[in-house]
Amino acid sequence: PKISFEITEYKFQGGYVLYDDSLILHDDGHMTGKIKNAGEQTFENFRIYALIKDKNENILDVASSQKFDLMKPGDTLDFEMIPHPKIADKINLYSCFAFGEAEIFPLNAERNGEQYTFRYESGAWMTDGEFNPEGTELSMYTFNSWHLDMNASLEFPQSSMHEDLEVYLDGKKYAEGQPVHEKIESLQSLDEMGNWHVYFTVPNFYQGNTVITGFKQPDGTVVVPEEIDITSLVKAQVTDGNITRITADTTETSLVIDLEATNDGILSITISDFLIRPFSDGNFFVLVDGEEVQQVSLENKILSIPYPAGAEKVEVYGSYVVPEFGTLAIFILGISVISIIVLARKHSMLYSFNKF
């Protein structure tokens, strides 16, 4: 038989691992290699993730590299993954490499006719949040594709100090094929910004609904401050001068940025649904020292605002300011590469969470 071929012009886009002689599995089980940014965006605050497998293709663990602070277009960097010593002698290969950050993802659900935003951190995947008509129970499809139990941490805005949140699993463990209908152990806490945190464990290979009960309607027992200093939680920069303070004004649904500027410049703010949301037309209303600014641009979640020499205050108005989320750092939501591996039992797929 004759084999024909055609040379294509395909090239890798974005970030990827170089599959060449630099990718080495060492005798002690750790992995080293190189990554390249072949795209046009700069990556910030990320790691490389991979599955660790034995000679029978069984998943032993999920590996992660050192943290990378910055990777510019065209950069090639070295990475290293060091496994847990207990599995080092069982490692046969690393596979399914992926770029990712600390897996903190936002979810939206409609509650009483309004958008309700919360977020979660877990090795399991959660999606399709839905409240019951009374707004007291939240159901989410949950999929833990790993053979390990995965911890989950969910963060909710507080509606009432009397909310007592409980967690139920309503699905099955894929590995056993057995239905699961049970209340599970969970821990509820309150952070310094007044948000509920709920912690629980998702069983290995679980797929089905996670139901959280105990939500209550606002009853006046929760007081949101009219003004919150979020300077350390927002990623912002100016081309000239300094940013002295950033506050969230919850009564005016605005961000207020205090400046010291001696020359004309541009203020850039990385935004997200957790920080400020635009009006229904997709735009923000911006004032610089009380004067409306028309030349405002929004691209790749970065809001750019020009300001003149001597500017002292920039006000950004939207439909909703969300100051409730605490020290998990709002600015991480501006990262350009956020992905995790979601493995089905017999095949794998890459699911990207970059649409928020």
Protein backbone atom coordinates (compact mmCIF):
# COMPACT_ATOMS: atom_id res chain seq x y z
CA PRO A 1 0.00 0.00 0.00
CA LYS A 2 1.03 3.59 -0.62
CA ILE A 3 0.77 6.21 2.06
CA SER A 4 0.12 9.78 1.03
CA PHE A 5 0.27 12.85 3.23
CA GLU A 6 -0.38 16.54 3.10
CA ILE A 7 1.50 19.20 5.03
CA THR A 8 -0.92 21.47 6.84
CA GLU A 9 -0.42 24.96 8.21
CA TYR A 10 -1.85 24.14 11.64
CA LYS A 11 0.07 25.53 14.58
CA PHE A 12 -0.50 25.35 18.30
CA GLN A 13 -2.30 28.30 19.86
CA GLY A 14 -2.12 29.36 23.45
CA GLY A 15 -0.02 27.51 25.99
CA TYR A 16 1.13 23.91 25.63
CA VAL A 17 3.67 21.36 26.82
CA LEU A 18 6.56 20.54 24.47
CA TYR A 19 6.51 16.82 23.68
CA ASP A 20 10.21 16.44 22.85
CA ASP A 21 13.44 15.31 24.50
CA SER A 22 12.99 17.92 27.22
CA LEU A 23 10.01 15.99 28.66
CA ILE A 24 11.67 13.56 31.08
CA LEU A 25 10.28 11.09 33.62
CA HIS A 26 13.10 10.67 36.13
CA ASP A 27 13.97 7.51 38.05
CA ASP A 28 12.64 8.95 41.30
CA GLY A 29 9.24 9.59 39.68
CA HIS A 30 9.36 13.34 39.21
CA MET A 31 8.72 14.94 35.82
CA THR A 32 10.49 17.84 34.13
CA GLY A 33 9.78 19.54 30.83
CA LYS A 34 9.12 22.77 29.01
CA ILE A 35 6.01 24.81 28.26
CA LYS A 36 5.51 27.42 25.56
CA ASN A 37 3.14 30.33 25.09
CA ALA A 38 2.31 30.34 21.37
CA GLY A 39 -0.62 32.72 21.73
CA GLU A 40 -0.98 36.47 21.95
CA GLN A 41 -2.08 36.74 25.57
CA THR A 42 0.10 36.92 28.67
CA PHE A 43 -0.55 34.18 31.23
CA GLU A 44 -0.40 35.04 34.92
CA ASN A 45 -0.45 33.08 38.18
CA PHE A 46 -0.85 29.54 36.85
CA ARG A 47 0.45 26.00 37.22
CA ILE A 48 0.71 22.92 35.01
CA TYR A 49 -1.47 19.94 35.97
CA ALA A 50 -1.23 16.31 34.86
CA LEU A 51 -2.51 12.85 35.72
CA ILE A 52 -0.07 10.35 37.21
CA LYS A 53 -0.69 6.75 36.07
CA ASP A 54 0.77 3.33 36.81
CA LYS A 55 1.70 0.66 34.25
CA ASN A 56 -1.95 -0.46 34.06
CA GLU A 57 -3.16 3.07 33.24
CA ASN A 58 -4.71 3.43 36.69
CA ILE A 59 -4.78 7.01 37.97
CA LEU A 60 -2.58 7.39 41.04
CA ASP A 61 -2.85 11.12 41.65
CA VAL A 62 -3.11 14.60 40.11
CA ALA A 63 0.27 16.34 39.86
CA SER A 64 0.93 20.07 39.79
CA SER A 65 4.01 22.09 38.93
CA GLN A 66 5.54 25.09 40.61
CA LYS A 67 3.55 28.33 40.30
CA PHE A 68 4.38 30.63 37.38
CA ASP A 69 3.81 34.34 37.94
CA LEU A 70 4.12 35.50 34.32
CA MET A 71 4.45 33.97 30.85
CA LYS A 72 4.56 36.36 27.92
CA PRO A 73 3.78 35.46 24.28
CA GLY A 74 6.69 33.49 22.83
CA ASP A 75 8.14 32.53 26.22
CA THR A 76 9.41 28.99 26.85
CA LEU A 77 9.72 28.01 30.52
CA ASP A 78 10.89 24.95 32.47
CA PHE A 79 8.46 23.13 34.75
CA GLU A 80 8.83 20.40 37.35
CA MET A 81 6.33 18.06 38.99
CA ILE A 82 7.26 16.22 42.19
CA PRO A 83 4.94 13.34 43.24
CA HIS A 84 4.08 12.16 46.72
CA PRO A 85 6.80 9.77 47.95
CA LYS A 86 4.21 7.04 48.63
CA ILE A 87 3.47 6.61 44.91
CA ALA A 88 6.87 7.48 43.43
CA ASP A 89 7.88 3.86 42.76
CA LYS A 90 4.55 3.06 41.06
CA ILE A 91 4.64 5.83 38.44
CA ASN A 92 4.71 4.78 34.80
CA LEU A 93 3.70 7.99 33.03
CA TYR A 94 2.24 11.48 33.27
CA SER A 95 -0.60 12.40 30.90
CA CYS A 96 -3.33 14.94 30.14
CA PHE A 97 -1.23 18.03 30.80
CA ALA A 98 -3.23 21.21 31.31
CA PHE A 99 -2.67 24.84 32.20
CA GLY A 100 -4.71 25.97 35.17
CA GLU A 101 -4.88 28.05 38.31
CA ALA A 102 -6.24 27.44 41.76
CA GLU A 103 -9.56 25.96 40.80
CA ILE A 104 -11.92 28.67 41.99
CA PHE A 105 -14.88 28.99 39.65
CA PRO A 106 -17.99 31.19 39.63
CA LEU A 107 -21.50 29.87 39.09
CA ASN A 108 -24.74 31.75 38.53
CA ALA A 109 -28.25 30.60 39.35
CA GLU A 110 -31.58 32.40 39.17
CA ARG A 111 -33.11 32.98 42.58
CA ASN A 112 -36.39 34.81 43.02
CA GLY A 113 -36.07 36.34 39.56
CA GLU A 114 -32.54 37.68 40.13
CA GLN A 115 -29.06 36.41 39.32
CA TYR A 116 -27.41 34.80 42.34
CA THR A 117 -23.63 34.47 42.05
CA PHE A 118 -21.50 32.15 44.16
CA ARG A 119 -18.27 30.25 43.64
CA TYR A 120 -16.57 26.98 44.45
CA GLU A 121 -13.15 25.39 44.72
CA SER A 122 -12.83 21.64 44.16
CA GLY A 123 -11.23 18.92 42.07
CA ALA A 124 -14.80 17.88 41.24
CA TRP A 125 -16.78 19.71 38.56
CA MET A 126 -20.02 21.53 39.42
CA THR A 127 -22.44 23.16 36.99
CA ASP A 128 -26.11 23.97 36.24
CA GLY A 129 -26.98 25.55 39.58
CA GLU A 130 -30.74 25.84 40.10
CA PHE A 131 -32.84 27.00 43.05
CA ASN A 132 -36.26 25.63 43.95
CA PRO A 133 -39.21 28.06 43.53
CA GLU A 134 -38.94 29.12 47.17
CA GLY A 135 -35.25 29.98 46.82
CA THR A 136 -34.32 27.81 49.80
CA GLU A 137 -32.60 24.85 48.08
CA LEU A 138 -29.78 24.90 45.53
CA SER A 139 -29.14 21.92 43.26
CA MET A 140 -25.99 21.50 41.12
CA TYR A 141 -24.84 18.70 38.83
CA THR A 142 -21.57 17.37 40.25
CA PHE A 143 -19.01 15.09 38.62
CA ASN A 144 -15.92 13.73 40.36
CA SER A 145 -14.01 11.90 37.63
CA TRP A 146 -11.12 10.93 39.87
CA HIS A 147 -10.64 7.71 41.81
CA LEU A 148 -9.95 9.87 44.87
CA ASP A 149 -12.44 11.65 47.11
CA MET A 150 -12.35 15.39 46.41
CA ASN A 151 -12.88 18.16 48.92
CA ALA A 152 -15.24 20.97 47.93
CA SER A 153 -15.44 24.49 49.31
CA LEU A 154 -18.38 26.70 48.33
CA GLU A 155 -18.79 30.39 49.13
CA PHE A 156 -22.23 32.03 49.28
CA PRO A 157 -23.37 35.60 49.97
CA GLN A 158 -25.24 35.70 53.25
CA SER A 159 -28.97 36.48 53.11
CA SER A 160 -29.72 35.87 56.76
CA MET A 161 -27.70 35.12 59.87
CA HIS A 162 -30.16 32.28 60.50
CA GLU A 163 -29.19 30.25 57.42
CA ASP A 164 -28.25 26.69 58.41
CA LEU A 165 -26.87 25.03 55.27
CA GLU A 166 -26.91 21.24 54.85
CA VAL A 167 -25.53 19.13 51.99
CA TYR A 168 -27.18 16.14 50.30
CA LEU A 169 -25.93 13.90 47.49
CA ASP A 170 -28.48 12.59 45.00
CA GLY A 171 -26.73 10.56 42.31
CA LYS A 172 -24.43 7.53 42.09
CA LYS A 173 -20.85 6.45 42.39
CA TYR A 174 -19.83 5.61 38.85
CA ALA A 175 -17.18 3.08 39.92
CA GLU A 176 -19.74 1.04 41.84
CA GLY A 177 -22.88 1.97 39.94
CA GLN A 178 -24.71 2.31 43.22
CA PRO A 179 -27.24 5.07 43.86
CA VAL A 180 -26.45 7.64 46.52
CA HIS A 181 -29.27 9.43 48.32
CA GLU A 182 -27.97 10.76 51.59
CA LYS A 183 -27.16 13.72 53.76
CA ILE A 184 -23.40 14.05 54.11
CA GLU A 185 -21.20 15.61 56.74
CA SER A 186 -20.36 19.25 56.10
CA LEU A 187 -18.86 22.23 57.87
CA GLN A 188 -20.25 25.76 57.69
CA SER A 189 -18.32 28.89 58.62
CA LEU A 190 -18.57 32.66 58.22
CA ASP A 191 -15.68 34.74 56.90
CA GLU A 192 -14.67 38.28 57.81
CA MET A 193 -16.65 39.71 54.87
CA GLY A 194 -19.90 38.04 55.94
CA ASN A 195 -19.94 35.16 53.44
CA TRP A 196 -20.90 31.58 54.19
CA HIS A 197 -18.33 28.87 53.45
CA VAL A 198 -19.52 25.28 53.20
CA TYR A 199 -17.00 22.43 53.14
CA PHE A 200 -17.71 18.78 52.28
CA THR A 201 -16.26 15.76 50.45
CA VAL A 202 -17.39 14.52 47.01
CA PRO A 203 -16.91 10.72 46.80
CA ASN A 204 -14.65 9.22 44.16
CA PHE A 205 -16.34 8.75 40.76
CA TYR A 206 -19.51 10.42 42.02
CA GLN A 207 -21.89 11.87 39.46
CA GLY A 208 -25.27 13.38 40.14
CA ASN A 209 -26.76 16.30 42.01
CA THR A 210 -25.44 18.05 45.07
CA VAL A 211 -28.30 19.69 46.94
CA ILE A 212 -27.70 22.40 49.54
CA THR A 213 -30.65 23.30 51.75
CA GLY A 214 -31.23 25.97 54.38
CA PHE A 215 -31.09 29.19 52.36
CA LYS A 216 -33.39 31.92 53.65
CA GLN A 217 -34.82 35.11 52.23
CA PRO A 218 -33.20 38.40 53.30
CA ASP A 219 -34.63 39.29 56.71
CA GLY A 220 -32.63 42.35 57.68
CA THR A 221 -30.21 40.47 59.91
CA VAL A 222 -27.33 41.00 57.46
CA VAL A 223 -25.89 44.49 57.08
CA VAL A 224 -23.66 45.15 54.06
CA PRO A 225 -21.27 48.09 54.61
CA GLU A 226 -21.96 51.05 52.35
CA GLU A 227 -18.27 51.35 51.52
CA ILE A 228 -15.59 48.63 51.46
CA ASP A 229 -11.88 49.09 50.85
CA ILE A 230 -10.88 46.53 48.20
CA THR A 231 -7.55 48.02 47.16
CA SER A 232 -5.65 44.79 47.82
CA LEU A 233 -8.26 42.61 46.09
CA VAL A 234 -8.40 44.28 42.68
CA LYS A 235 -5.91 44.01 39.86
CA ALA A 236 -5.47 47.57 38.54
CA GLN A 237 -2.67 49.69 37.15
CA VAL A 238 -2.03 53.13 35.66
CA THR A 239 0.40 54.25 32.97
CA ASP A 240 1.26 57.36 34.97
CA GLY A 241 0.98 58.13 38.65
CA ASN A 242 -0.29 55.95 41.49
CA ILE A 243 -3.49 54.31 42.67
CA THR A 244 -3.93 55.24 46.32
CA ARG A 245 -7.23 53.52 47.11
CA ILE A 246 -10.04 51.47 45.55
CA THR A 247 -13.41 51.22 47.26
CA ALA A 248 -16.71 49.54 46.46
CA ASP A 249 -19.72 51.79 47.05
CA THR A 250 -22.60 49.36 47.56
CA THR A 251 -25.28 52.05 47.68
CA GLU A 252 -24.24 53.62 44.36
CA THR A 253 -23.19 50.28 42.77
CA SER A 254 -19.86 51.76 41.81
CA LEU A 255 -16.12 51.41 42.15
CA VAL A 256 -14.22 54.49 43.26
CA ILE A 257 -10.53 54.68 42.38
CA ASP A 258 -8.43 57.42 43.98
CA LEU A 259 -5.43 58.54 41.92
CA GLU A 260 -2.32 60.67 42.05
CA ALA A 261 -1.49 61.59 38.44
CA THR A 262 0.83 64.29 37.15
CA ASN A 263 0.42 63.43 33.45
CA ASP A 264 -2.24 62.06 31.13
CA GLY A 265 -2.61 58.30 31.44
CA ILE A 266 -4.79 55.20 31.23
CA LEU A 267 -6.28 53.27 34.14
CA SER A 268 -6.69 49.51 33.52
CA ILE A 269 -8.89 47.37 35.79
CA THR A 270 -9.41 43.62 35.49
CA ILE A 271 -13.11 43.06 36.10
CA SER A 272 -15.45 40.11 36.58
CA ASP A 273 -18.98 39.37 37.75
CA PHE A 274 -17.60 39.20 41.29
CA LEU A 275 -16.37 42.77 41.10
CA ILE A 276 -18.81 44.87 39.05
CA ARG A 277 -21.34 44.07 36.34
CA PRO A 278 -22.18 46.29 33.35
CA PHE A 279 -25.62 47.66 32.57
CA SER A 280 -27.99 45.75 30.29
CA ASP A 281 -26.37 47.27 27.19
CA GLY A 282 -22.99 45.83 28.22
CA ASN A 283 -21.48 49.21 29.11
CA PHE A 284 -20.35 51.03 32.24
CA PHE A 285 -20.91 54.68 33.15
CA VAL A 286 -17.57 56.32 34.03
CA LEU A 287 -16.76 59.66 35.63
CA VAL A 288 -13.30 61.20 36.05
CA ASP A 289 -13.37 63.99 38.62
CA GLY A 290 -17.11 64.27 38.05
CA GLU A 291 -16.95 64.50 34.24
CA GLU A 292 -18.34 61.72 32.05
CA VAL A 293 -15.76 59.81 29.99
CA GLN A 294 -16.83 58.38 26.61
CA GLN A 295 -13.57 56.79 25.45
CA VAL A 296 -13.84 53.73 27.69
CA SER A 297 -12.95 50.31 26.29
CA LEU A 298 -13.52 46.77 27.58
CA GLU A 299 -11.42 43.97 26.11
CA ASN A 300 -10.49 40.58 27.56
CA LYS A 301 -12.10 41.57 30.87
CA ILE A 302 -9.82 44.63 31.14
CA LEU A 303 -11.60 47.99 31.47
CA SER A 304 -9.40 50.83 30.16
CA ILE A 305 -10.17 54.42 31.17
CA PRO A 306 -8.20 57.49 30.02
CA TYR A 307 -7.61 60.26 32.53
CA PRO A 308 -6.01 63.73 32.30
CA ALA A 309 -3.06 65.10 34.23
CA GLY A 310 -4.04 65.96 37.78
CA ALA A 311 -6.94 63.47 37.92
CA GLU A 312 -7.86 62.46 41.47
CA LYS A 313 -10.95 60.27 41.30
CA VAL A 314 -12.38 57.74 38.83
CA GLU A 315 -15.90 56.38 39.41
CA VAL A 316 -17.15 53.31 37.54
CA TYR A 317 -20.90 52.68 37.74
CA GLY A 318 -22.52 49.36 36.85
CA SER A 319 -25.74 47.46 37.43
CA TYR A 320 -24.38 45.65 40.48
CA VAL A 321 -21.30 45.77 42.68
CA VAL A 322 -20.43 42.53 44.41
CA PRO A 323 -18.20 43.32 47.38
CA GLU A 324 -19.22 40.30 49.45
CA PHE A 325 -16.39 37.97 48.46
CA GLY A 326 -13.47 38.13 50.85
CA THR A 327 -9.77 37.41 50.94
CA LEU A 328 -9.73 34.71 48.25
CA ALA A 329 -8.69 37.62 46.04
CA ILE A 330 -10.99 38.93 43.35
CA PHE A 331 -8.12 39.54 40.96
CA ILE A 332 -7.55 35.82 40.30
CA LEU A 333 -10.71 35.84 38.22
CA GLY A 334 -8.90 37.94 35.61
CA ILE A 335 -6.48 35.17 34.70
CA SER A 336 -6.56 34.35 31.02
CA VAL A 337 -5.98 30.62 31.22
CA ILE A 338 -8.31 28.67 33.48
CA SER A 339 -8.87 25.00 32.71
CA ILE A 340 -9.11 21.61 34.34
CA ILE A 341 -9.17 18.06 33.06
CA VAL A 342 -12.49 16.28 33.31
CA LEU A 343 -12.04 12.57 32.73
CA ALA A 344 -14.82 10.20 31.84
CA ARG A 345 -14.30 6.60 32.86
CA LYS A 346 -13.17 5.40 29.44
CA HIS A 347 -12.05 8.56 27.70
CA SER A 348 -10.94 12.07 28.49
CA MET A 349 -11.93 15.57 27.52
CA LEU A 350 -10.73 19.04 28.36
CA TYR A 351 -13.28 21.41 29.84
CA SER A 352 -12.40 25.10 29.84
CA PHE A 353 -13.84 27.51 32.39
CA ASN A 354 -13.08 30.81 30.71
CA LYS A 355 -16.56 32.15 30.03
CA PHE A 356 -17.16 34.17 33.13
